[in-house]
C-alpha cells in the first residue's frame, strides 16, 4: 500500500513538474517570440548592407544609420569608415551619402574605395567601433589584384597623396611636383586641400576625377604673397580646389537661362572654386590675372563644335567662355579656358540671321553667334555692312576673352559713366590693356572704330592671352611694304604689321590695307574669329 502511495505521489510530482516546465517554456517561448518580432527593428539600428571586395581591390556596398547616429549624420555628405584585417586597422575609406533613398529616420551612404595590397584577403568595416560589418573576403578572379591605383583621394591607395579628410600630404605632393612641374593628381571626390608649401615646387597641378578636371595655375597664385596677406607662414596655408556639381535652385536658374536662349544644355553645370585657407581665415581666389587655365567637364553625347559653346553662369545669365570640344566615341568633353573660376556648362545653339545667307562673312558670323559673342537686331538681321562703334567692339572683344565685365564703374575716361551699358566692358578691356583712350581723357564710345584701331585691339588681345605679337622694325617694314596706302597709318604700324603676320588682318585689296576706313560688323566678326582660333579659344 505504501509503495502504491509513493508511486502516486511521485506521479503527481512528475505532473506538477511537467506543468511547471510547460508554464516556464510557454513564458520563454512568448519572450522569444517577442524578441524575434523586435529583432528586425533592433537590427535596423545602423548597419551594413551587402559589401563586395573585388579582386582588383575595389570595395563597394552600403551602410545605414538611425537613432543617435542618424541625428549626427543626416546632414553629412559622407562618412569615414575604418578598414580592418585580422591584425588591426589598415586604412580608411569613404562612403558618400545616397540622396536617392528617402526613408524617415534613416540615412544611407554608398561605399566606394580601394584596398590595393593583395595580401589583405579579408576585411571588416567599422564606423566608430560600434557599427561593424561581417568579414568580407576578396574575390579571387577578375581585376588586377595588388595593382597600383594612380593618384590619391578618398579611398585612395595606402601611402597615397590625399588622406580621408581630403588633405594632400605635403612631402608626397612636393615630390610629385619636383618630378613633374606640371603634374596631375586624381581624386575620388569633388574637392581637395593642397598644402601651399608643396605647391611652390610646381608650375601647374591638374586635379581630376571621373567627371571634371581643373588645372591650378600655381605661379599665378603668388603663394608667398598670399601667405603674408593672410598673416601666416607658407607651411600653414592651404589651397582648396572644388569641382562641385550644380544642383537644386542654382541648376534650375541655369536651365531657365538655357531655355531663354532656345538652346540645349549639353554638359551638367559645375562650380569650380579655389579658396585659400589658413586656420579660421579664408580668401576666395576668383581671378588669375592674365593667366588662362583649363576647367573641363565630361558629358554624354557628341558635340558639334560649330554650334556648341562653353558658358559661364553669372547672375542667372549665360555668357561665352573660351572653350574647346573633343569627342571620344559617344562621349564628349568641353574644356573651358578662362583666367578665373566660375560656374561652367556647355550648351548648343542654332542662331541664324536673315541677311547673311549669301554674305562672304556668313561662316564667321554664324560661328560667333552660336558662341554668344555677337548678336543681331530685333528684326532678325545682323547688319554685316554696318559700321561698329568703339564701345560695341570693346564689348565683343571682352566677351571673346571671357573677361569679367561685372564691374560697371569706370573713372578712367570722362565720357564713360557707371550707368552706361558699356561701362563694364570698357573697364574690363582697359584693365586688360586692350583699349586705351585719347589724349583729352575721353574714350569716345560712340565713335565709329576704324580698321587701324580694330587691328590694334585684336593684337593687344593676343598679347593678353600670352601670344608673341612682337615684330622687329625690319619685319614691320617688310609686312607693310606691299600696301600702297601704308603711309596713311597714323600710329599703329607695329600693331597692323603684327595683325598681318598673325593672319588676322587682310588687305582690302592686294595693295590696300585702308587703315582709316571705318570697320564693318562683318570685318569685326572675321578678325575676332581669327583671334579666337589663333589663341586656341575655339575649334
Protein backbone atom coordinates (compact mmCIF):
# COMPACT_ATOMS: atom_id res chain seq x y z
CA UNK A 1 0.00 0.00 0.00
CA UNK A 2 2.82 2.36 0.92
CA UNK A 3 4.58 1.57 -2.32
CA UNK A 4 1.47 2.38 -4.33
CA UNK A 5 1.03 5.63 -2.40
CA UNK A 6 4.60 6.60 -3.02
CA UNK A 7 4.15 5.84 -6.71
CA UNK A 8 1.08 8.02 -6.78
CA UNK A 9 2.98 10.84 -5.08
CA UNK A 10 5.86 10.52 -7.49
CA UNK A 11 3.42 10.54 -10.39
CA UNK A 12 1.75 13.68 -9.05
CA UNK A 13 5.16 15.37 -8.59
CA UNK A 14 6.10 14.49 -12.15
CA UNK A 15 2.87 16.00 -13.43
CA UNK A 16 3.41 19.13 -11.34
CA UNK A 17 6.98 19.37 -12.65
CA UNK A 18 5.81 18.95 -16.23
CA UNK A 19 3.15 21.60 -15.72
CA UNK A 20 5.74 23.93 -14.19
CA UNK A 21 8.16 23.28 -17.02
CA UNK A 22 5.46 23.76 -19.62
CA UNK A 23 4.42 27.01 -17.97
CA UNK A 24 8.02 28.23 -17.94
CA UNK A 25 8.57 27.05 -21.51
CA UNK A 26 5.43 28.88 -22.61
CA UNK A 27 6.72 32.05 -21.00
CA UNK A 28 10.13 31.60 -22.56
CA UNK A 29 8.62 30.94 -25.98
CA UNK A 30 6.44 34.02 -25.63
CA UNK A 31 9.51 36.05 -24.74
CA UNK A 32 11.42 34.60 -27.66
CA UNK A 33 8.53 35.37 -29.99
CA UNK A 34 8.50 38.98 -28.79
CA UNK A 35 12.27 39.20 -29.21
CA UNK A 36 12.04 37.66 -32.66
CA UNK A 37 9.39 40.21 -33.61
CA UNK A 38 11.53 43.07 -32.31
CA UNK A 39 14.79 41.77 -33.74
CA UNK A 40 14.33 43.22 -37.24
CA UNK A 41 13.67 46.59 -35.67
CA UNK A 42 16.71 46.32 -33.45
CA UNK A 43 18.85 45.05 -36.32
CA UNK A 44 17.96 48.18 -38.30
CA UNK A 45 19.69 50.35 -35.69
CA UNK A 46 22.60 51.13 -38.03
CA UNK A 47 24.44 48.51 -40.02
CA UNK A 48 25.94 47.44 -43.32
CA UNK A 49 24.24 46.25 -46.48
CA UNK A 50 25.83 43.79 -48.87
CA UNK A 51 29.54 44.51 -49.38
CA UNK A 52 31.72 43.28 -52.21
CA UNK A 53 35.51 43.15 -52.20
CA UNK A 54 36.69 42.69 -55.77
CA UNK A 55 39.89 41.01 -56.87
CA UNK A 56 41.19 44.37 -58.07
CA UNK A 57 40.73 45.79 -54.57
CA UNK A 58 37.53 47.79 -55.16
CA UNK A 59 35.18 47.80 -52.20
CA UNK A 60 31.50 48.66 -52.75
CA UNK A 61 28.35 48.40 -50.70
CA UNK A 62 26.23 50.45 -48.34
CA UNK A 63 25.94 51.44 -44.69
CA UNK A 64 22.88 52.90 -42.97
CA UNK A 65 22.28 54.74 -39.71
CA UNK A 66 19.32 55.59 -37.50
CA UNK A 67 18.77 56.75 -33.91
CA UNK A 68 21.61 58.80 -32.46
CA UNK A 69 23.78 58.06 -35.49
CA UNK A 70 21.08 59.41 -37.79
CA UNK A 71 20.87 62.66 -35.86
CA UNK A 72 24.64 63.08 -36.09
CA UNK A 73 24.99 62.13 -39.77
CA UNK A 74 21.78 63.16 -41.55
CA UNK A 75 23.32 66.40 -42.82
CA UNK A 76 26.72 64.93 -43.71
CA UNK A 77 27.75 64.35 -47.33
CA UNK A 78 29.94 61.40 -46.43
CA UNK A 79 31.19 59.24 -43.55
CA UNK A 80 34.63 57.78 -42.93
CA UNK A 81 34.85 54.03 -42.40
CA UNK A 82 37.81 52.23 -40.91
CA UNK A 83 39.08 49.10 -42.68
CA UNK A 84 40.48 46.25 -40.55
CA UNK A 85 42.14 42.95 -41.21
CA UNK A 86 42.80 40.31 -38.57
CA UNK A 87 45.76 42.26 -37.14
CA UNK A 88 44.13 45.68 -36.90
CA UNK A 89 43.28 48.80 -38.86
CA UNK A 90 44.89 49.03 -42.32
CA UNK A 91 43.33 52.19 -43.80
CA UNK A 92 40.08 54.15 -44.18
CA UNK A 93 37.60 54.60 -46.99
CA UNK A 94 34.74 56.97 -47.70
CA UNK A 95 31.01 56.30 -48.05
CA UNK A 96 29.09 59.06 -49.84
CA UNK A 97 25.51 59.96 -48.96
CA UNK A 98 22.86 58.22 -51.05
CA UNK A 99 20.36 61.01 -51.74
CA UNK A 100 18.13 58.71 -53.82
CA UNK A 101 16.91 56.75 -50.79
CA UNK A 102 14.44 58.64 -48.61
CA UNK A 103 13.42 56.67 -45.51
CA UNK A 104 12.20 58.55 -42.46
CA UNK A 105 14.77 58.40 -39.68
CA UNK A 106 17.37 56.51 -41.71
CA UNK A 107 20.29 57.84 -43.75
CA UNK A 108 22.16 55.71 -46.30
CA UNK A 109 25.73 56.01 -47.58
CA UNK A 110 27.30 54.23 -50.56
CA UNK A 111 30.74 52.74 -50.03
CA UNK A 112 33.38 53.20 -52.71
CA UNK A 113 37.07 52.65 -52.05
CA UNK A 114 40.11 50.59 -52.96
CA UNK A 115 42.35 48.22 -51.00
CA UNK A 116 45.49 47.96 -53.09
CA UNK A 117 47.56 45.50 -51.05
CA UNK A 118 46.73 41.99 -52.30
CA UNK A 119 47.84 40.41 -49.01
CA UNK A 120 44.63 41.54 -47.34
CA UNK A 121 42.38 38.61 -48.28
CA UNK A 122 39.56 39.54 -45.92
CA UNK A 123 38.48 42.81 -44.34
CA UNK A 124 35.96 44.18 -41.89
CA UNK A 125 34.49 47.70 -41.99
CA UNK A 126 33.76 49.75 -38.89
CA UNK A 127 32.16 53.07 -38.01
CA UNK A 128 33.24 54.38 -34.58
CA UNK A 129 33.77 50.78 -33.40
CA UNK A 130 30.05 50.25 -32.77
CA UNK A 131 28.82 49.61 -36.31
CA UNK A 132 30.78 46.65 -37.65
CA UNK A 133 30.40 44.56 -40.78
CA UNK A 134 30.93 40.83 -41.09
CA UNK A 135 34.16 39.60 -42.64
CA UNK A 136 34.25 40.31 -46.36
CA UNK A 137 36.50 38.12 -48.48
CA UNK A 138 38.44 39.29 -51.50
CA UNK A 139 37.26 37.73 -54.75
CA UNK A 140 39.82 35.51 -56.45
CA UNK A 141 39.15 36.28 -60.11
CA UNK A 142 38.97 39.35 -62.35
CA UNK A 143 40.51 42.78 -61.89
CA UNK A 144 44.13 43.37 -61.09
CA UNK A 145 44.94 42.10 -57.58
CA UNK A 146 47.65 44.08 -55.92
CA UNK A 147 47.88 46.50 -58.84
CA UNK A 148 48.71 50.15 -58.27
CA UNK A 149 45.99 52.82 -58.12
CA UNK A 150 47.03 56.14 -59.64
CA UNK A 151 46.81 59.47 -57.87
CA UNK A 152 45.21 59.91 -54.48
CA UNK A 153 41.92 60.84 -52.89
CA UNK A 154 39.20 59.37 -50.75
CA UNK A 155 39.59 55.64 -50.52
CA UNK A 156 42.85 56.05 -52.40
CA UNK A 157 45.94 53.91 -52.14
CA UNK A 158 47.74 53.15 -48.94
CA UNK A 159 50.61 55.59 -48.92
CA UNK A 160 48.80 57.81 -51.43
CA UNK A 161 48.92 61.59 -51.65
CA UNK A 162 45.44 62.54 -50.37
CA UNK A 163 44.06 61.42 -47.00
CA UNK A 164 40.48 60.80 -45.89
CA UNK A 165 39.97 64.45 -44.94
CA UNK A 166 40.80 65.48 -48.48
CA UNK A 167 44.23 66.82 -47.49
CA UNK A 168 47.26 66.16 -49.64
CA UNK A 169 50.45 65.07 -47.92
CA UNK A 170 52.99 67.89 -48.23
CA UNK A 171 56.07 65.73 -48.78
CA UNK A 172 54.48 63.40 -51.32
CA UNK A 173 52.88 66.25 -53.27
CA UNK A 174 56.18 68.15 -53.27
CA UNK A 175 57.97 65.08 -54.64
CA UNK A 176 55.33 64.70 -57.34
CA UNK A 177 55.81 68.31 -58.46
CA UNK A 178 59.59 68.08 -58.28
CA UNK A 179 59.46 65.17 -60.73
CA UNK A 180 56.94 66.93 -62.99
CA UNK A 181 56.40 70.70 -62.73
CA UNK A 182 53.04 70.24 -64.45
CA UNK A 183 51.80 67.15 -62.67
CA UNK A 184 48.33 65.61 -62.42
CA UNK A 185 46.54 64.34 -59.32
CA UNK A 186 43.48 62.09 -59.39
CA UNK A 187 40.90 62.43 -56.62
CA UNK A 188 37.78 60.41 -55.93
CA UNK A 189 35.67 63.24 -54.57
CA UNK A 190 34.89 66.78 -55.69
CA UNK A 191 37.43 68.73 -53.63
CA UNK A 192 40.99 68.59 -52.38
CA UNK A 193 43.11 70.56 -49.91
CA UNK A 194 46.63 71.28 -51.14
CA UNK A 195 49.50 72.47 -48.91
CA UNK A 196 50.99 75.69 -50.29
CA UNK A 197 54.43 74.61 -49.07
CA UNK A 198 54.32 71.74 -51.57
CA UNK A 199 52.69 73.63 -54.42
CA UNK A 200 55.64 76.02 -54.71
CA UNK A 201 57.63 73.14 -56.23
CA UNK A 202 55.50 73.16 -59.38
CA UNK A 203 54.06 75.39 -62.08
CA UNK A 204 50.63 73.81 -62.58
CA UNK A 205 48.71 70.94 -61.00
CA UNK A 206 45.79 69.31 -62.80
CA UNK A 207 43.24 67.85 -60.39
CA UNK A 208 40.79 65.41 -61.94
CA UNK A 209 38.10 62.85 -61.25
CA UNK A 210 35.76 60.88 -63.49
CA UNK A 211 33.55 63.91 -64.22
CA UNK A 212 35.73 67.01 -64.21
CA UNK A 213 39.25 68.40 -64.14
CA UNK A 214 40.85 71.69 -63.20
CA UNK A 215 44.37 72.93 -63.82
CA UNK A 216 45.59 75.06 -60.93
CA UNK A 217 47.96 77.80 -62.18
CA UNK A 218 50.35 77.72 -59.23
CA UNK A 219 52.56 80.61 -60.29
CA UNK A 220 49.56 82.91 -60.70
CA UNK A 221 48.59 82.34 -57.05
CA UNK A 222 51.74 84.09 -55.76
CA UNK A 223 51.68 81.86 -52.70
CA UNK A 224 54.35 83.69 -50.68
CA UNK A 225 52.49 86.97 -51.05
CA UNK A 226 49.19 85.25 -50.31
CA UNK A 227 50.55 83.78 -47.07
CA UNK A 228 51.77 87.21 -45.95
CA UNK A 229 48.41 88.74 -46.81
CA UNK A 230 46.67 86.17 -44.62
CA UNK A 231 49.20 86.63 -41.82
CA UNK A 232 50.57 83.06 -41.78
CA UNK A 233 53.67 81.14 -42.72
CA UNK A 234 53.62 79.29 -46.03
CA UNK A 235 53.50 75.97 -44.14
CA UNK A 236 50.16 76.97 -42.61
CA UNK A 237 48.49 77.95 -45.89
CA UNK A 238 46.22 75.54 -47.75
CA UNK A 239 44.65 75.89 -51.18
CA UNK A 240 41.23 74.29 -51.55
CA UNK A 241 40.05 73.31 -55.05
CA UNK A 242 36.40 72.38 -55.56
CA UNK A 243 34.64 70.99 -58.64
CA UNK A 244 31.06 70.61 -57.42
CA UNK A 245 28.02 69.73 -59.50
CA UNK A 246 25.41 72.49 -59.54
CA UNK A 247 22.07 71.33 -58.13
CA UNK A 248 18.64 72.45 -56.94
CA UNK A 249 17.68 76.12 -57.41
CA UNK A 250 21.04 77.07 -58.92
CA UNK A 251 20.64 74.37 -61.57
CA UNK A 252 17.05 75.49 -62.24
CA UNK A 253 18.25 79.06 -62.86
CA UNK A 254 20.78 77.82 -65.44
CA UNK A 255 18.21 75.60 -67.13
CA UNK A 256 15.85 78.58 -67.37
CA UNK A 257 18.64 80.70 -68.90
CA UNK A 258 19.35 77.98 -71.47
CA UNK A 259 15.66 77.79 -72.33
CA UNK A 260 15.51 81.57 -72.76
CA UNK A 261 18.21 81.25 -75.43
CA UNK A 262 16.30 78.46 -77.19
CA UNK A 263 19.42 76.39 -76.58
CA UNK A 264 20.15 72.87 -75.41
CA UNK A 265 22.12 72.03 -72.26
CA UNK A 266 24.91 69.61 -73.19
CA UNK A 267 27.10 69.34 -70.11
CA UNK A 268 26.00 69.35 -66.49
CA UNK A 269 26.98 72.65 -64.84
CA UNK A 270 29.83 72.52 -62.32
CA UNK A 271 31.03 75.17 -59.89
CA UNK A 272 34.83 75.47 -59.95
CA UNK A 273 36.23 77.24 -56.88
CA UNK A 274 39.67 77.99 -55.47
CA UNK A 275 39.99 79.17 -51.86
CA UNK A 276 42.97 79.98 -49.68
CA UNK A 277 42.58 78.67 -46.11
CA UNK A 278 44.65 79.40 -43.03
CA UNK A 279 43.11 78.45 -39.71
CA UNK A 280 39.78 80.26 -39.50
CA UNK A 281 40.71 82.64 -42.34
CA UNK A 282 39.56 82.11 -45.91
CA UNK A 283 40.02 84.04 -49.13
CA UNK A 284 38.23 83.27 -52.38
CA UNK A 285 40.54 83.32 -55.41
CA UNK A 286 38.40 84.22 -58.40
CA UNK A 287 40.97 85.67 -60.80
CA UNK A 288 44.37 84.53 -62.04
CA UNK A 289 45.24 87.81 -63.72
CA UNK A 290 46.17 87.28 -67.34
CA UNK A 291 46.88 83.56 -66.81
CA UNK A 292 44.32 81.34 -68.52
CA UNK A 293 43.70 77.87 -67.17
CA UNK A 294 41.62 74.82 -68.07
CA UNK A 295 38.42 73.54 -66.44
CA UNK A 296 36.83 70.54 -68.13
CA UNK A 297 33.52 68.69 -67.88
CA UNK A 298 32.81 65.25 -69.35
CA UNK A 299 29.37 64.57 -70.77
CA UNK A 300 27.45 62.01 -72.81
CA UNK A 301 26.72 62.52 -76.48
CA UNK A 302 28.59 64.08 -79.38
CA UNK A 303 29.12 67.82 -79.60
CA UNK A 304 29.17 69.88 -82.79
CA UNK A 305 31.93 72.41 -82.12
CA UNK A 306 30.41 74.80 -84.66
CA UNK A 307 27.17 75.10 -82.68
CA UNK A 308 28.29 74.24 -79.16
CA UNK A 309 29.95 76.57 -76.72
CA UNK A 310 31.17 76.63 -73.18
CA UNK A 311 29.38 79.15 -70.99
CA UNK A 312 29.92 80.81 -67.64
CA UNK A 313 26.88 81.49 -65.48
CA UNK A 314 26.71 84.86 -63.78
CA UNK A 315 23.62 86.31 -62.07
CA UNK A 316 21.36 83.78 -63.81
CA UNK A 317 22.71 84.83 -67.23
CA UNK A 318 24.97 82.84 -69.55
CA UNK A 319 27.98 84.27 -71.37
CA UNK A 320 30.52 82.81 -73.75
CA UNK A 321 33.50 81.10 -72.19
CA UNK A 322 36.51 80.30 -74.41
CA UNK A 323 36.19 76.57 -74.91
CA UNK A 324 37.30 73.56 -76.93
CA UNK A 325 35.31 70.40 -77.58
CA UNK A 326 36.55 66.87 -78.09
CA UNK A 327 34.65 63.66 -78.80
CA UNK A 328 35.51 60.13 -77.73
CA UNK A 329 33.02 57.71 -79.22
CA UNK A 330 29.61 58.62 -77.81
CA UNK A 331 31.11 60.81 -75.08
CA UNK A 332 32.46 64.34 -75.20
CA UNK A 333 34.45 66.81 -73.16
CA UNK A 334 34.33 70.59 -73.01
CA UNK A 335 37.46 72.39 -71.83
CA UNK A 336 36.80 75.90 -70.59
CA UNK A 337 39.72 78.34 -70.86
CA UNK A 338 39.40 81.31 -68.51
CA UNK A 339 41.58 83.42 -66.27
CA UNK A 340 39.44 82.77 -63.24
CA UNK A 341 36.95 80.43 -61.60
CA UNK A 342 33.22 80.18 -62.08
CA UNK A 343 30.14 78.09 -62.78
CA UNK A 344 30.60 76.43 -66.18
CA UNK A 345 28.45 74.38 -68.53
CA UNK A 346 28.15 73.65 -72.25
CA UNK A 347 25.20 74.42 -74.49
CA UNK A 348 24.26 74.09 -78.14
CA UNK A 349 22.52 76.90 -80.03
CA UNK A 350 21.13 77.31 -83.52
CA UNK A 351 21.09 81.05 -84.20
CA UNK A 352 20.88 82.49 -87.69
CA UNK A 353 20.33 85.92 -89.28
CA UNK A 354 18.21 86.78 -92.27
CA UNK A 355 20.76 88.99 -94.03
CA UNK A 356 23.97 86.92 -94.08
CA UNK A 357 22.88 83.87 -96.08
CA UNK A 358 24.91 84.93 -99.12
CA UNK A 359 27.41 87.19 -97.38
CA UNK A 360 31.15 86.43 -97.57
CA UNK A 361 31.36 86.53 -93.74
CA UNK A 362 28.45 84.13 -93.11
CA UNK A 363 30.57 81.34 -91.57
CA UNK A 364 32.31 83.78 -89.21
CA UNK A 365 29.08 85.47 -88.16
CA UNK A 366 27.23 82.19 -87.64
CA UNK A 367 30.05 80.72 -85.56
CA UNK A 368 30.33 83.76 -83.28
CA UNK A 369 26.55 83.96 -82.86
CA UNK A 370 26.48 80.31 -81.76
CA UNK A 371 29.20 81.21 -79.26
CA UNK A 372 27.05 84.07 -77.87
CA UNK A 373 29.73 86.60 -78.85
CA UNK A 374 27.82 88.58 -81.43
CA UNK A 375 24.12 89.22 -81.66
CA UNK A 376 21.79 90.86 -84.13
CA UNK A 377 18.92 93.30 -84.23
CA UNK A 378 15.30 92.88 -83.27
CA UNK A 379 14.26 92.42 -86.89
CA UNK A 380 16.41 89.26 -87.15
CA UNK A 381 19.23 90.90 -89.10
CA UNK A 382 22.91 91.13 -88.30
CA UNK A 383 23.82 94.16 -90.39
CA UNK A 384 27.16 92.87 -91.67
CA UNK A 385 27.98 96.07 -93.59
CA UNK A 386 27.06 98.41 -90.80
CA UNK A 387 29.89 100.18 -89.04
CA UNK A 388 30.71 99.31 -85.45
CA UNK A 389 31.41 101.68 -82.54
CA UNK A 390 34.35 101.58 -80.20
CA UNK A 391 32.08 100.57 -77.32
CA UNK A 392 30.46 97.78 -79.36
CA UNK A 393 33.82 96.32 -80.34
CA UNK A 394 35.14 96.61 -76.78
CA UNK A 395 32.09 94.62 -75.71
CA UNK A 396 32.54 91.76 -78.14
CA UNK A 397 36.29 91.52 -77.61
CA UNK A 398 35.74 91.39 -73.83
CA UNK A 399 33.21 88.59 -74.38
CA UNK A 400 35.63 86.79 -76.70
CA UNK A 401 38.30 86.66 -74.00
CA UNK A 402 35.83 85.67 -71.30
CA UNK A 403 36.71 88.75 -69.26
CA UNK A 404 34.82 89.64 -66.11
CA UNK A 405 32.67 92.60 -67.11
CA UNK A 406 30.62 92.77 -63.91
CA UNK A 407 32.38 95.92 -62.64
CA UNK A 408 30.21 98.69 -64.05
CA UNK A 409 32.10 101.66 -62.67
CA UNK A 410 34.84 103.36 -64.68
CA UNK A 411 36.57 106.60 -63.86
CA UNK A 412 39.30 106.15 -66.47
CA UNK A 413 37.50 108.22 -69.11
CA UNK A 414 35.45 111.35 -68.68
CA UNK A 415 32.81 110.18 -71.14
CA UNK A 416 32.20 106.71 -69.66
CA UNK A 417 29.77 106.79 -66.74
CA UNK A 418 28.92 103.96 -64.36
CA UNK A 419 25.36 103.74 -65.67
CA UNK A 420 26.34 103.31 -69.31
CA UNK A 421 25.68 99.86 -70.80
CA UNK A 422 29.29 99.64 -71.95
CA UNK A 423 30.92 100.77 -68.67
CA UNK A 424 31.71 97.22 -67.55
CA UNK A 425 33.17 96.05 -70.85
CA UNK A 426 35.23 99.20 -71.32
CA UNK A 427 36.58 98.88 -67.80
CA UNK A 428 37.48 95.20 -68.35
CA UNK A 429 39.16 95.98 -71.69
CA UNK A 430 41.12 98.85 -70.14
CA UNK A 431 42.27 96.74 -67.20
CA UNK A 432 43.45 94.09 -69.64
CA UNK A 433 45.43 96.62 -71.69
CA UNK A 434 43.33 96.04 -74.80
CA UNK A 435 41.86 99.50 -75.28
CA UNK A 436 43.01 103.00 -74.48
CA UNK A 437 41.61 106.43 -74.99
CA UNK A 438 42.54 109.79 -76.39
CA UNK A 439 44.87 112.47 -75.08
CA UNK A 440 41.94 114.56 -73.87
CA UNK A 441 40.91 111.80 -71.43
CA UNK A 442 37.96 110.52 -73.45
CA UNK A 443 37.18 107.09 -74.83
CA UNK A 444 34.63 108.20 -77.43
CA UNK A 445 32.48 105.08 -77.05
CA UNK A 446 30.01 106.02 -79.78
CA UNK A 447 32.63 106.91 -82.39
CA UNK A 448 32.99 104.51 -85.32
CA UNK A 449 36.05 102.29 -84.95
CA UNK A 450 38.43 102.25 -87.89
CA UNK A 451 40.50 99.33 -89.14
CA UNK A 452 43.70 100.63 -87.56
CA UNK A 453 42.07 100.82 -84.11
CA UNK A 454 40.37 97.46 -84.56
CA UNK A 455 43.64 95.74 -85.53
CA UNK A 456 45.38 97.30 -82.54
CA UNK A 457 42.76 95.97 -80.11
CA UNK A 458 42.94 92.47 -81.58
CA UNK A 459 46.73 92.36 -81.39
CA UNK A 460 46.67 93.58 -77.78
CA UNK A 461 44.12 90.85 -77.02
CA UNK A 462 46.51 88.26 -78.44
CA UNK A 463 49.29 89.62 -76.26
CA UNK A 464 46.98 89.48 -73.22
CA UNK A 465 46.41 85.74 -73.68
CA UNK A 466 50.14 85.13 -73.92
CA UNK A 467 50.81 85.12 -77.65
CA UNK A 468 54.01 86.64 -79.00
CA UNK A 469 52.97 89.54 -81.23
CA UNK A 470 56.23 91.41 -81.41
CA UNK A 471 57.64 92.33 -84.81
CA UNK A 472 61.02 93.86 -85.46
CA UNK A 473 61.30 97.11 -87.39
CA UNK A 474 62.65 95.14 -90.35
CA UNK A 475 59.66 92.76 -90.25
CA UNK A 476 57.28 95.67 -89.88
CA UNK A 477 58.60 97.39 -92.97
CA UNK A 478 58.51 94.15 -94.98
CA UNK A 479 54.97 93.25 -93.91
CA UNK A 480 53.55 96.67 -94.75
CA UNK A 481 55.61 97.32 -97.90
CA UNK A 482 53.10 95.68 -100.24
CA UNK A 483 50.34 98.11 -99.22
CA UNK A 484 50.49 101.34 -101.20
CA UNK A 485 48.49 103.18 -98.52
CA UNK A 486 50.69 102.11 -95.58
CA UNK A 487 51.85 105.69 -95.18
CA UNK A 488 48.29 106.61 -94.11
CA UNK A 489 48.70 104.58 -90.89
CA UNK A 490 48.77 107.21 -88.14
CA UNK A 491 50.20 105.40 -85.11
CA UNK A 492 49.50 101.64 -85.39
CA UNK A 493 52.26 100.49 -87.74
CA UNK A 494 53.53 97.82 -85.33
CA UNK A 495 50.02 96.60 -84.48
CA UNK A 496 48.88 96.35 -88.10
CA UNK A 497 52.10 94.59 -89.07
CA UNK A 498 51.62 92.08 -86.24
CA UNK A 499 47.98 91.55 -87.30
CA UNK A 500 49.04 90.87 -90.87
CA UNK A 501 51.75 88.48 -89.69
CA UNK A 502 49.27 86.57 -87.50
CA UNK A 503 46.82 86.27 -90.40
CA UNK A 504 44.18 88.31 -88.59
CA UNK A 505 44.06 91.27 -90.98
CA UNK A 506 43.85 91.08 -94.76
CA UNK A 507 44.17 94.00 -97.12
CA UNK A 508 41.08 95.47 -98.67
CA UNK A 509 42.88 94.57 -101.91
CA UNK A 510 46.29 93.08 -102.58
CA UNK A 511 47.81 96.55 -102.39
CA UNK A 512 45.50 98.40 -100.00
CA UNK A 513 45.02 97.98 -96.23
CA UNK A 514 42.71 101.01 -95.70
CA UNK A 515 43.71 101.73 -92.08
CA UNK A 516 41.47 104.80 -91.72
CA UNK A 517 38.32 103.20 -93.13
CA UNK A 518 35.51 102.52 -90.67
CA UNK A 519 35.42 98.83 -89.81
CA UNK A 520 32.22 96.92 -90.54
CA UNK A 521 30.48 94.37 -88.30
CA UNK A 522 31.43 91.64 -90.77
CA UNK A 523 35.11 92.64 -90.64
CA UNK A 524 34.99 92.74 -86.86
CA UNK A 525 33.46 89.24 -86.73
CA UNK A 526 36.12 87.93 -89.10
CA UNK A 527 39.00 89.37 -87.09
CA UNK A 528 37.53 88.05 -83.83
CA UNK A 529 37.12 84.58 -85.31
CA UNK A 530 40.77 84.57 -86.36
CA UNK A 531 41.79 85.92 -82.94
CA UNK A 532 39.96 83.11 -81.14
CA UNK A 533 41.45 80.43 -83.39
CA UNK A 534 44.93 81.91 -83.01
CA UNK A 535 44.54 81.97 -79.23
CA UNK A 536 43.23 78.39 -79.13
CA UNK A 537 39.92 79.53 -77.65
CA UNK A 538 37.59 77.81 -80.14
CA UNK A 539 37.71 74.85 -82.52
